[in-house]
Each structure stands twice: as C-alpha cells, then as structure tokens.
Amino acid sequence: MMLPTLLRTTLFALAALLAGCGTTTPADYAKEKPALDLQTYFNGTVDAWGMFQDRSGKVVKRFTVVMRCHWVGDVGTLDEDFTYSDGTKQKRIWTLKKISPQQYVGTAADVIGEARGSVGGNALRWQYVLALPVDGTVYQMDFDDWMFQMDERVMLNRAVMSKFGVRLGEITLSFTKRAS
C-alpha cells in the first residue's frame, strides 16, 4: 500500500530529524584543552560555589563547597563539606577509582550503586543515582553531570537532575582549585 505523498514526506523528515539527534559524549571534546586529569585537578583543596534551579529555572538553593582531595595510586578521595544559604550543612565523601585512561567509577554514602565517569579532552561526564532527602522522604534521582576544565584552576559544572526521564532541575557549580 502506498502512503500519501504528504505523509511519506513527513515521516522522512521526522526520521531525518531523529537521526540527527545524537547524544553528546566526552569524545566530542577530545581535542579541547587543557586536557582534564582528575588526579591532578582534584588533588589538594578545591572551593566551589553553586546553585540548584527547579525545572522552571527558579533558584531554590545556593551553596558553597570545600573539597579536600587526595589520591593514592588510582584511588582518589574527595571529602566535600557543603554549606547551604539557609545555614544547613552536609558532607559527602566520594571514593573514585580510575579503571582506564578515560574511565572512572565512584561511590559515596548517598550514591546508589556506582557512579560512572568518562573523560574526553577538557570534559568529564559523570552519571549516577543520588538518594536525595526532601521533606522527610528520600528520592532516588538520576544525575547527568558534566564538568569542563577551563584552565589549571577553574572548572565549570552543570548537572541535570531527573526522575523517570523527566527533567526536574539543574545544578550549576564553579570550582576553583587553591594554589599549592
């Protein structure tokens, strides 16, 4: 059975559009400089300033983070102390492990399973599920986290938080590595 010309044209255009919708990967940034080396950047003390925006774009939380970072071989510890604009505090300790030149896994007490990370050029994509307490209930939220090293001291971070594929908000962070 032949489809009407308009329907065929519409289906062809839709298929072409979907074929062009690829997912960005760290390999897309392979030639970007400076090349991100997690063991070098996250070594010593790193300060961060961030905010959480809900899906409408409204800033609902602001925070600072002091990270004390060190590595022993291919295993790194990122000891993070968060201070929120409302005065509350939180601690998260990441344990990272380099499993290949561009691949990392990580764990933390509030991360469900393992986080997985891939590096390409100046970029890191970090994906994980976080147990997030909100008003007495803990939700398992998916995080798609991108970090971009700008120079030897500054890194920018944007994370999208979602549940069941629905975007619920974004976290934006600016990291500054303290001079040694």
N, C-alpha and C. Protein backbone atom coordinates (compact mmCIF):
# COMPACT_ATOMS: atom_id res chain seq x y z
N MET A 1 0.84 -1.18 0.00
CA MET A 1 0.00 0.00 0.00
C MET A 1 0.87 1.23 0.00
N MET A 2 0.61 2.19 -0.85
CA MET A 2 1.38 3.43 -0.96
C MET A 2 0.87 4.44 0.05
N LEU A 3 1.80 5.08 0.75
CA LEU A 3 1.43 6.16 1.66
C LEU A 3 1.24 7.43 0.85
N PRO A 4 0.30 8.27 1.24
CA PRO A 4 0.15 9.55 0.55
C PRO A 4 1.45 10.33 0.62
N THR A 5 1.71 11.14 -0.39
CA THR A 5 2.96 11.89 -0.51
C THR A 5 3.24 12.74 0.72
N LEU A 6 2.27 13.46 1.24
CA LEU A 6 2.47 14.33 2.40
C LEU A 6 2.89 13.51 3.63
N LEU A 7 2.23 12.36 3.84
CA LEU A 7 2.57 11.52 4.97
C LEU A 7 3.98 10.95 4.81
N ARG A 8 4.33 10.50 3.59
CA ARG A 8 5.68 9.98 3.33
C ARG A 8 6.72 11.04 3.59
N THR A 9 6.47 12.25 3.11
CA THR A 9 7.41 13.36 3.29
C THR A 9 7.57 13.69 4.77
N THR A 10 6.47 13.70 5.50
CA THR A 10 6.52 14.00 6.93
C THR A 10 7.30 12.92 7.68
N LEU A 11 7.04 11.65 7.38
CA LEU A 11 7.77 10.56 8.03
C LEU A 11 9.26 10.60 7.69
N PHE A 12 9.60 10.92 6.44
CA PHE A 12 11.00 11.03 6.05
C PHE A 12 11.68 12.16 6.82
N ALA A 13 11.02 13.30 6.92
CA ALA A 13 11.59 14.45 7.63
C ALA A 13 11.77 14.12 9.11
N LEU A 14 10.79 13.45 9.71
CA LEU A 14 10.88 13.07 11.12
C LEU A 14 12.04 12.09 11.33
N ALA A 15 12.18 11.12 10.45
CA ALA A 15 13.28 10.15 10.56
C ALA A 15 14.63 10.84 10.42
N ALA A 16 14.74 11.78 9.51
CA ALA A 16 15.99 12.52 9.33
C ALA A 16 16.31 13.36 10.57
N LEU A 17 15.28 13.97 11.14
CA LEU A 17 15.46 14.78 12.34
C LEU A 17 15.93 13.91 13.50
N LEU A 18 15.31 12.75 13.69
CA LEU A 18 15.69 11.86 14.77
C LEU A 18 17.09 11.30 14.57
N ALA A 19 17.46 11.03 13.33
CA ALA A 19 18.81 10.52 13.05
C ALA A 19 19.87 11.54 13.42
N GLY A 20 19.54 12.83 13.34
CA GLY A 20 20.49 13.88 13.66
C GLY A 20 20.56 14.18 15.15
N CYS A 21 19.69 13.56 15.95
CA CYS A 21 19.65 13.81 17.39
C CYS A 21 20.56 12.83 18.10
N GLY A 22 21.84 13.06 18.07
CA GLY A 22 22.77 12.18 18.76
C GLY A 22 23.01 12.67 20.16
N THR A 23 23.57 11.81 20.97
CA THR A 23 23.92 12.17 22.32
C THR A 23 25.36 12.64 22.35
N THR A 24 25.59 13.75 23.03
CA THR A 24 26.95 14.26 23.19
C THR A 24 27.71 13.33 24.13
N THR A 25 28.96 13.05 23.79
CA THR A 25 29.81 12.22 24.63
C THR A 25 31.10 12.97 24.92
N PRO A 26 31.84 12.56 25.94
CA PRO A 26 33.13 13.21 26.20
C PRO A 26 34.09 13.14 25.02
N ALA A 27 33.97 12.11 24.18
CA ALA A 27 34.84 12.01 23.00
C ALA A 27 34.67 13.21 22.07
N ASP A 28 33.49 13.87 22.11
CA ASP A 28 33.26 15.06 21.30
C ASP A 28 34.19 16.21 21.69
N TYR A 29 34.78 16.14 22.89
CA TYR A 29 35.65 17.20 23.40
C TYR A 29 37.12 16.76 23.42
N ALA A 30 37.45 15.67 22.76
CA ALA A 30 38.78 15.08 22.83
C ALA A 30 39.91 16.05 22.51
N LYS A 31 39.67 17.01 21.63
CA LYS A 31 40.73 17.94 21.23
C LYS A 31 40.77 19.22 22.07
N GLU A 32 39.83 19.36 23.01
CA GLU A 32 39.77 20.58 23.83
C GLU A 32 40.86 20.58 24.89
N LYS A 33 41.38 21.76 25.15
CA LYS A 33 42.45 21.95 26.13
C LYS A 33 41.97 22.89 27.22
N PRO A 34 42.50 22.81 28.42
CA PRO A 34 43.51 21.84 28.84
C PRO A 34 42.88 20.46 29.03
N ALA A 35 43.67 19.44 28.79
CA ALA A 35 43.18 18.08 28.98
C ALA A 35 42.93 17.85 30.47
N LEU A 36 41.75 17.36 30.79
CA LEU A 36 41.37 17.13 32.18
C LEU A 36 42.02 15.85 32.70
N ASP A 37 42.74 15.99 33.78
CA ASP A 37 43.32 14.86 34.51
C ASP A 37 42.76 14.95 35.92
N LEU A 38 41.79 14.08 36.25
CA LEU A 38 41.14 14.16 37.56
C LEU A 38 42.13 14.05 38.71
N GLN A 39 43.16 13.22 38.55
CA GLN A 39 44.14 13.03 39.62
C GLN A 39 44.97 14.28 39.87
N THR A 40 45.09 15.13 38.88
CA THR A 40 45.81 16.39 39.06
C THR A 40 44.87 17.49 39.54
N TYR A 41 43.71 17.64 38.87
CA TYR A 41 42.81 18.74 39.25
C TYR A 41 42.25 18.53 40.66
N PHE A 42 41.73 17.33 40.93
CA PHE A 42 41.16 17.07 42.25
C PHE A 42 42.23 16.49 43.17
N ASN A 43 43.24 17.31 43.43
CA ASN A 43 44.32 16.98 44.35
C ASN A 43 44.64 18.27 45.09
N GLY A 44 44.47 18.26 46.42
CA GLY A 44 44.59 19.48 47.20
C GLY A 44 43.20 19.98 47.56
N THR A 45 43.09 21.29 47.80
CA THR A 45 41.80 21.87 48.20
C THR A 45 41.17 22.59 47.02
N VAL A 46 39.89 22.31 46.82
CA VAL A 46 39.11 22.93 45.75
C VAL A 46 37.88 23.57 46.40
N ASP A 47 37.62 24.83 46.06
CA ASP A 47 36.43 25.54 46.54
C ASP A 47 35.41 25.60 45.41
N ALA A 48 34.12 25.53 45.78
CA ALA A 48 33.06 25.59 44.76
C ALA A 48 31.91 26.44 45.26
N TRP A 49 31.22 27.07 44.31
CA TRP A 49 30.03 27.87 44.55
C TRP A 49 28.97 27.35 43.60
N GLY A 50 27.76 27.09 44.12
CA GLY A 50 26.75 26.51 43.27
C GLY A 50 25.34 26.93 43.61
N MET A 51 24.43 26.50 42.72
CA MET A 51 23.01 26.76 42.92
C MET A 51 22.21 25.63 42.28
N PHE A 52 21.02 25.40 42.85
CA PHE A 52 20.07 24.45 42.29
C PHE A 52 18.89 25.25 41.77
N GLN A 53 18.52 24.98 40.51
CA GLN A 53 17.36 25.61 39.90
C GLN A 53 16.32 24.53 39.63
N ASP A 54 15.05 24.83 39.97
CA ASP A 54 14.00 23.87 39.66
C ASP A 54 13.71 23.89 38.16
N ARG A 55 12.78 23.07 37.71
CA ARG A 55 12.54 22.95 36.26
C ARG A 55 12.01 24.23 35.63
N SER A 56 11.50 25.17 36.44
CA SER A 56 11.04 26.46 35.88
C SER A 56 12.20 27.44 35.75
N GLY A 57 13.37 27.08 36.33
CA GLY A 57 14.53 27.97 36.29
C GLY A 57 14.72 28.78 37.55
N LYS A 58 13.80 28.66 38.50
CA LYS A 58 13.91 29.41 39.76
C LYS A 58 15.02 28.83 40.62
N VAL A 59 15.89 29.70 41.13
CA VAL A 59 16.95 29.27 42.04
C VAL A 59 16.31 28.99 43.39
N VAL A 60 16.41 27.73 43.85
CA VAL A 60 15.80 27.35 45.11
C VAL A 60 16.82 27.03 46.21
N LYS A 61 18.08 26.84 45.84
CA LYS A 61 19.14 26.62 46.81
C LYS A 61 20.44 27.17 46.27
N ARG A 62 21.21 27.80 47.15
CA ARG A 62 22.57 28.22 46.84
C ARG A 62 23.48 27.57 47.87
N PHE A 63 24.73 27.32 47.49
CA PHE A 63 25.62 26.64 48.42
C PHE A 63 27.08 26.88 48.06
N THR A 64 27.94 26.61 49.04
CA THR A 64 29.38 26.58 48.81
C THR A 64 29.87 25.19 49.21
N VAL A 65 31.02 24.82 48.66
CA VAL A 65 31.61 23.52 48.97
C VAL A 65 33.11 23.71 49.15
N VAL A 66 33.65 23.09 50.17
CA VAL A 66 35.10 22.99 50.32
C VAL A 66 35.43 21.51 50.16
N MET A 67 36.29 21.22 49.19
CA MET A 67 36.68 19.84 48.89
C MET A 67 38.15 19.64 49.21
N ARG A 68 38.42 18.63 50.04
CA ARG A 68 39.80 18.24 50.32
C ARG A 68 40.02 16.92 49.57
N CYS A 69 40.95 16.96 48.64
CA CYS A 69 41.10 15.85 47.68
C CYS A 69 42.51 15.28 47.73
N HIS A 70 42.60 13.96 47.64
CA HIS A 70 43.91 13.33 47.52
C HIS A 70 43.77 11.97 46.84
N TRP A 71 44.86 11.51 46.28
CA TRP A 71 44.91 10.24 45.55
C TRP A 71 46.03 9.37 46.11
N VAL A 72 45.77 8.09 46.12
CA VAL A 72 46.80 7.08 46.39
C VAL A 72 46.71 6.13 45.21
N GLY A 73 47.68 6.24 44.32
CA GLY A 73 47.64 5.45 43.09
C GLY A 73 46.44 5.86 42.26
N ASP A 74 45.62 4.90 41.88
CA ASP A 74 44.43 5.17 41.05
C ASP A 74 43.16 5.36 41.86
N VAL A 75 43.27 5.52 43.18
CA VAL A 75 42.11 5.71 44.04
C VAL A 75 42.16 7.09 44.67
N GLY A 76 41.09 7.85 44.46
CA GLY A 76 41.02 9.21 44.99
C GLY A 76 39.91 9.37 46.00
N THR A 77 40.11 10.29 46.94
CA THR A 77 39.10 10.65 47.93
C THR A 77 38.79 12.13 47.79
N LEU A 78 37.50 12.44 47.62
CA LEU A 78 37.04 13.83 47.58
C LEU A 78 36.15 14.02 48.79
N ASP A 79 36.66 14.71 49.80
CA ASP A 79 35.95 14.95 51.05
C ASP A 79 35.29 16.32 50.94
N GLU A 80 33.96 16.34 50.75
CA GLU A 80 33.22 17.57 50.44
C GLU A 80 32.40 18.04 51.64
N ASP A 81 32.53 19.31 51.99
CA ASP A 81 31.71 19.95 53.02
C ASP A 81 30.87 21.03 52.37
N PHE A 82 29.54 20.83 52.37
CA PHE A 82 28.59 21.77 51.78
C PHE A 82 28.04 22.69 52.87
N THR A 83 27.88 23.96 52.54
CA THR A 83 27.16 24.91 53.39
C THR A 83 26.12 25.58 52.51
N TYR A 84 24.85 25.44 52.89
CA TYR A 84 23.75 25.99 52.10
C TYR A 84 23.38 27.38 52.58
N SER A 85 22.73 28.15 51.72
CA SER A 85 22.38 29.53 52.03
C SER A 85 21.45 29.65 53.24
N ASP A 86 20.73 28.57 53.59
CA ASP A 86 19.87 28.60 54.77
C ASP A 86 20.61 28.20 56.05
N GLY A 87 21.95 27.97 55.93
CA GLY A 87 22.77 27.63 57.08
C GLY A 87 22.95 26.15 57.32
N THR A 88 22.20 25.29 56.61
CA THR A 88 22.37 23.85 56.81
C THR A 88 23.69 23.39 56.20
N LYS A 89 24.17 22.28 56.72
CA LYS A 89 25.45 21.73 56.27
C LYS A 89 25.26 20.27 55.87
N GLN A 90 26.14 19.81 54.98
CA GLN A 90 26.10 18.43 54.51
C GLN A 90 27.52 17.99 54.18
N LYS A 91 27.79 16.71 54.36
CA LYS A 91 29.10 16.14 54.00
C LYS A 91 28.87 15.01 53.01
N ARG A 92 29.74 14.93 52.03
CA ARG A 92 29.75 13.80 51.10
C ARG A 92 31.21 13.45 50.88
N ILE A 93 31.52 12.17 50.98
CA ILE A 93 32.88 11.71 50.70
C ILE A 93 32.80 10.75 49.52
N TRP A 94 33.41 11.17 48.41
CA TRP A 94 33.49 10.34 47.22
C TRP A 94 34.77 9.52 47.27
N THR A 95 34.68 8.27 46.83
CA THR A 95 35.86 7.46 46.55
C THR A 95 35.82 7.19 45.04
N LEU A 96 36.84 7.67 44.35
CA LEU A 96 36.93 7.50 42.90
C LEU A 96 38.00 6.48 42.58
N LYS A 97 37.77 5.74 41.50
CA LYS A 97 38.78 4.78 41.05
C LYS A 97 38.92 4.91 39.54
N LYS A 98 40.16 5.08 39.10
CA LYS A 98 40.46 5.12 37.68
C LYS A 98 40.52 3.69 37.18
N ILE A 99 39.67 3.36 36.20
CA ILE A 99 39.64 1.98 35.70
C ILE A 99 40.23 1.85 34.30
N SER A 100 40.46 2.98 33.64
CA SER A 100 41.17 3.01 32.35
C SER A 100 41.58 4.46 32.15
N PRO A 101 42.36 4.77 31.11
CA PRO A 101 42.80 6.16 30.94
C PRO A 101 41.66 7.19 30.88
N GLN A 102 40.48 6.81 30.40
CA GLN A 102 39.38 7.76 30.30
C GLN A 102 38.15 7.39 31.14
N GLN A 103 38.23 6.34 31.94
CA GLN A 103 37.05 5.86 32.66
C GLN A 103 37.29 5.82 34.17
N TYR A 104 36.26 6.26 34.91
CA TYR A 104 36.30 6.27 36.36
C TYR A 104 35.00 5.69 36.90
N VAL A 105 35.06 5.13 38.10
CA VAL A 105 33.87 4.78 38.86
C VAL A 105 34.00 5.47 40.20
N GLY A 106 32.85 5.70 40.84
CA GLY A 106 32.87 6.37 42.13
C GLY A 106 31.75 5.91 43.01
N THR A 107 31.99 6.01 44.32
CA THR A 107 30.97 5.69 45.31
C THR A 107 30.94 6.78 46.37
N ALA A 108 29.79 6.93 46.99
CA ALA A 108 29.59 7.81 48.14
C ALA A 108 28.41 7.24 48.92
N ALA A 109 28.28 7.60 50.17
CA ALA A 109 27.24 7.03 51.02
C ALA A 109 25.83 7.26 50.47
N ASP A 110 25.61 8.40 49.81
CA ASP A 110 24.27 8.70 49.30
C ASP A 110 24.12 8.44 47.81
N VAL A 111 25.09 7.75 47.21
CA VAL A 111 25.00 7.36 45.80
C VAL A 111 24.56 5.90 45.75
N ILE A 112 23.53 5.63 44.96
CA ILE A 112 23.01 4.27 44.81
C ILE A 112 23.88 3.55 43.78
N GLY A 113 24.53 2.47 44.19
CA GLY A 113 25.42 1.75 43.27
C GLY A 113 26.68 2.56 43.00
N GLU A 114 27.14 2.49 41.76
CA GLU A 114 28.36 3.20 41.37
C GLU A 114 28.04 4.33 40.40
N ALA A 115 28.77 5.43 40.56
CA ALA A 115 28.77 6.48 39.56
C ALA A 115 29.74 6.06 38.47
N ARG A 116 29.46 6.45 37.24
CA ARG A 116 30.35 6.13 36.12
C ARG A 116 30.74 7.43 35.43
N GLY A 117 32.03 7.56 35.15
CA GLY A 117 32.52 8.77 34.53
C GLY A 117 33.42 8.48 33.35
N SER A 118 33.34 9.36 32.34
CA SER A 118 34.20 9.28 31.16
C SER A 118 34.80 10.64 30.90
N VAL A 119 36.10 10.65 30.58
CA VAL A 119 36.82 11.89 30.30
C VAL A 119 37.15 11.94 28.82
N GLY A 120 37.06 13.14 28.25
CA GLY A 120 37.50 13.40 26.89
C GLY A 120 37.96 14.84 26.80
N GLY A 121 39.23 15.06 26.46
CA GLY A 121 39.73 16.43 26.39
C GLY A 121 39.59 17.12 27.73
N ASN A 122 38.88 18.27 27.73
CA ASN A 122 38.70 19.03 28.98
C ASN A 122 37.41 18.67 29.71
N ALA A 123 36.70 17.62 29.28
CA ALA A 123 35.36 17.32 29.79
C ALA A 123 35.30 16.00 30.55
N LEU A 124 34.41 15.97 31.53
CA LEU A 124 34.06 14.75 32.26
C LEU A 124 32.54 14.65 32.28
N ARG A 125 32.03 13.50 31.89
CA ARG A 125 30.60 13.21 32.07
C ARG A 125 30.49 12.18 33.17
N TRP A 126 29.70 12.52 34.19
CA TRP A 126 29.58 11.73 35.40
C TRP A 126 28.11 11.41 35.57
N GLN A 127 27.72 10.13 35.60
CA GLN A 127 26.31 9.74 35.71
C GLN A 127 26.12 8.83 36.92
N TYR A 128 25.07 9.13 37.69
CA TYR A 128 24.83 8.38 38.91
C TYR A 128 23.41 8.60 39.40
N VAL A 129 23.03 7.79 40.41
CA VAL A 129 21.74 7.93 41.08
C VAL A 129 22.03 8.35 42.51
N LEU A 130 21.40 9.45 42.93
CA LEU A 130 21.63 10.01 44.25
C LEU A 130 20.38 9.83 45.10
N ALA A 131 20.56 9.37 46.34
CA ALA A 131 19.46 9.29 47.31
C ALA A 131 19.32 10.69 47.90
N LEU A 132 18.27 11.40 47.51
CA LEU A 132 18.10 12.81 47.86
C LEU A 132 16.95 12.98 48.85
N PRO A 133 17.26 13.40 50.10
CA PRO A 133 16.19 13.61 51.07
C PRO A 133 15.48 14.94 50.81
N VAL A 134 14.15 14.89 50.74
CA VAL A 134 13.33 16.09 50.56
C VAL A 134 12.12 15.97 51.48
N ASP A 135 12.02 16.88 52.44
CA ASP A 135 10.87 16.93 53.35
C ASP A 135 10.54 15.58 53.97
N GLY A 136 11.57 14.89 54.47
CA GLY A 136 11.34 13.63 55.17
C GLY A 136 11.24 12.39 54.30
N THR A 137 11.28 12.55 52.99
CA THR A 137 11.24 11.42 52.06
C THR A 137 12.53 11.39 51.26
N VAL A 138 13.06 10.19 51.00
CA VAL A 138 14.28 10.05 50.21
C VAL A 138 13.89 9.60 48.81
N TYR A 139 14.31 10.38 47.80
CA TYR A 139 14.02 10.07 46.40
C TYR A 139 15.31 9.65 45.72
N GLN A 140 15.22 8.67 44.83
CA GLN A 140 16.36 8.27 44.03
C GLN A 140 16.32 9.07 42.72
N MET A 141 17.26 10.00 42.58
CA MET A 141 17.28 10.92 41.44
C MET A 141 18.45 10.59 40.52
N ASP A 142 18.20 10.63 39.22
CA ASP A 142 19.24 10.42 38.22
C ASP A 142 19.98 11.73 37.98
N PHE A 143 21.29 11.67 37.97
CA PHE A 143 22.12 12.85 37.70
C PHE A 143 22.96 12.60 36.45
N ASP A 144 22.95 13.57 35.56
CA ASP A 144 23.81 13.59 34.37
C ASP A 144 24.66 14.84 34.52
N ASP A 145 25.89 14.64 34.91
CA ASP A 145 26.78 15.68 35.40
C ASP A 145 27.90 15.90 34.38
N TRP A 146 28.07 17.14 33.92
CA TRP A 146 29.15 17.49 33.00
C TRP A 146 30.07 18.50 33.65
N MET A 147 31.38 18.24 33.61
CA MET A 147 32.39 19.16 34.12
C MET A 147 33.32 19.53 32.98
N PHE A 148 33.68 20.82 32.93
CA PHE A 148 34.58 21.32 31.89
C PHE A 148 35.70 22.12 32.53
N GLN A 149 36.93 21.64 32.37
CA GLN A 149 38.08 22.37 32.90
C GLN A 149 38.38 23.55 31.99
N MET A 150 38.41 24.75 32.57
CA MET A 150 38.61 25.98 31.81
C MET A 150 40.09 26.36 31.74
N ASP A 151 40.80 26.18 32.85
CA ASP A 151 42.23 26.40 32.92
C ASP A 151 42.75 25.57 34.09
N GLU A 152 44.00 25.79 34.52
CA GLU A 152 44.56 24.93 35.56
C GLU A 152 43.86 25.06 36.90
N ARG A 153 43.10 26.15 37.13
CA ARG A 153 42.44 26.34 38.43
C ARG A 153 40.91 26.28 38.38
N VAL A 154 40.29 26.60 37.23
CA VAL A 154 38.83 26.76 37.16
C VAL A 154 38.17 25.63 36.38
N MET A 155 37.08 25.12 36.96
CA MET A 155 36.26 24.11 36.28
C MET A 155 34.80 24.53 36.45
N LEU A 156 34.01 24.37 35.39
CA LEU A 156 32.58 24.63 35.44
C LEU A 156 31.83 23.31 35.39
N ASN A 157 30.69 23.25 36.08
CA ASN A 157 29.94 22.01 36.23
C ASN A 157 28.45 22.31 36.05
N ARG A 158 27.80 21.47 35.24
CA ARG A 158 26.34 21.57 35.06
C ARG A 158 25.79 20.16 35.16
N ALA A 159 24.84 19.98 36.07
CA ALA A 159 24.23 18.67 36.26
C ALA A 159 22.72 18.79 36.07
N VAL A 160 22.16 17.84 35.36
CA VAL A 160 20.71 17.77 35.18
C VAL A 160 20.20 16.65 36.07
N MET A 161 19.20 16.97 36.89
CA MET A 161 18.58 16.01 37.78
C MET A 161 17.24 15.61 37.19
N SER A 162 16.99 14.28 37.12
CA SER A 162 15.73 13.82 36.54
C SER A 162 15.23 12.59 37.29
N LYS A 163 13.97 12.27 37.05
CA LYS A 163 13.35 11.08 37.60
C LYS A 163 12.44 10.51 36.52
N PHE A 164 12.59 9.23 36.21
CA PHE A 164 11.82 8.58 35.13
C PHE A 164 11.96 9.33 33.81
N GLY A 165 13.15 9.92 33.57
CA GLY A 165 13.40 10.64 32.33
C GLY A 165 12.84 12.05 32.28
N VAL A 166 12.21 12.50 33.36
CA VAL A 166 11.64 13.85 33.40
C VAL A 166 12.62 14.77 34.11
N ARG A 167 13.05 15.83 33.43
CA ARG A 167 13.99 16.80 33.98
C ARG A 167 13.32 17.58 35.11
N LEU A 168 13.92 17.53 36.31
CA LEU A 168 13.35 18.20 37.48
C LEU A 168 14.11 19.45 37.89
N GLY A 169 15.36 19.55 37.47
CA GLY A 169 16.14 20.72 37.84
C GLY A 169 17.57 20.60 37.37
N GLU A 170 18.33 21.67 37.64
CA GLU A 170 19.74 21.73 37.25
C GLU A 170 20.57 22.29 38.38
N ILE A 171 21.79 21.79 38.48
CA ILE A 171 22.76 22.31 39.43
C ILE A 171 23.90 22.90 38.61
N THR A 172 24.31 24.10 38.97
CA THR A 172 25.43 24.77 38.32
C THR A 172 26.47 25.04 39.38
N LEU A 173 27.74 24.71 39.08
CA LEU A 173 28.84 24.91 40.01
C LEU A 173 30.03 25.52 39.31
N SER A 174 30.76 26.31 40.05
CA SER A 174 32.06 26.81 39.61
C SER A 174 33.09 26.37 40.63
N PHE A 175 34.10 25.62 40.17
CA PHE A 175 35.18 25.14 41.03
C PHE A 175 36.41 26.02 40.83
N THR A 176 37.12 26.29 41.93
CA THR A 176 38.42 26.95 41.85
C THR A 176 39.39 26.18 42.72
N LYS A 177 40.44 25.69 42.09
CA LYS A 177 41.48 24.95 42.82
C LYS A 177 42.39 25.96 43.51
N ARG A 178 42.62 25.76 44.78
CA ARG A 178 43.52 26.66 45.53
C ARG A 178 44.96 26.46 45.04
N ALA A 179 45.69 27.57 45.02
CA ALA A 179 47.10 27.49 44.64
C ALA A 179 47.84 26.65 45.66
N SER A 180 48.77 25.86 45.18
CA SER A 180 49.54 24.98 46.09
C SER A 180 50.49 25.76 46.94
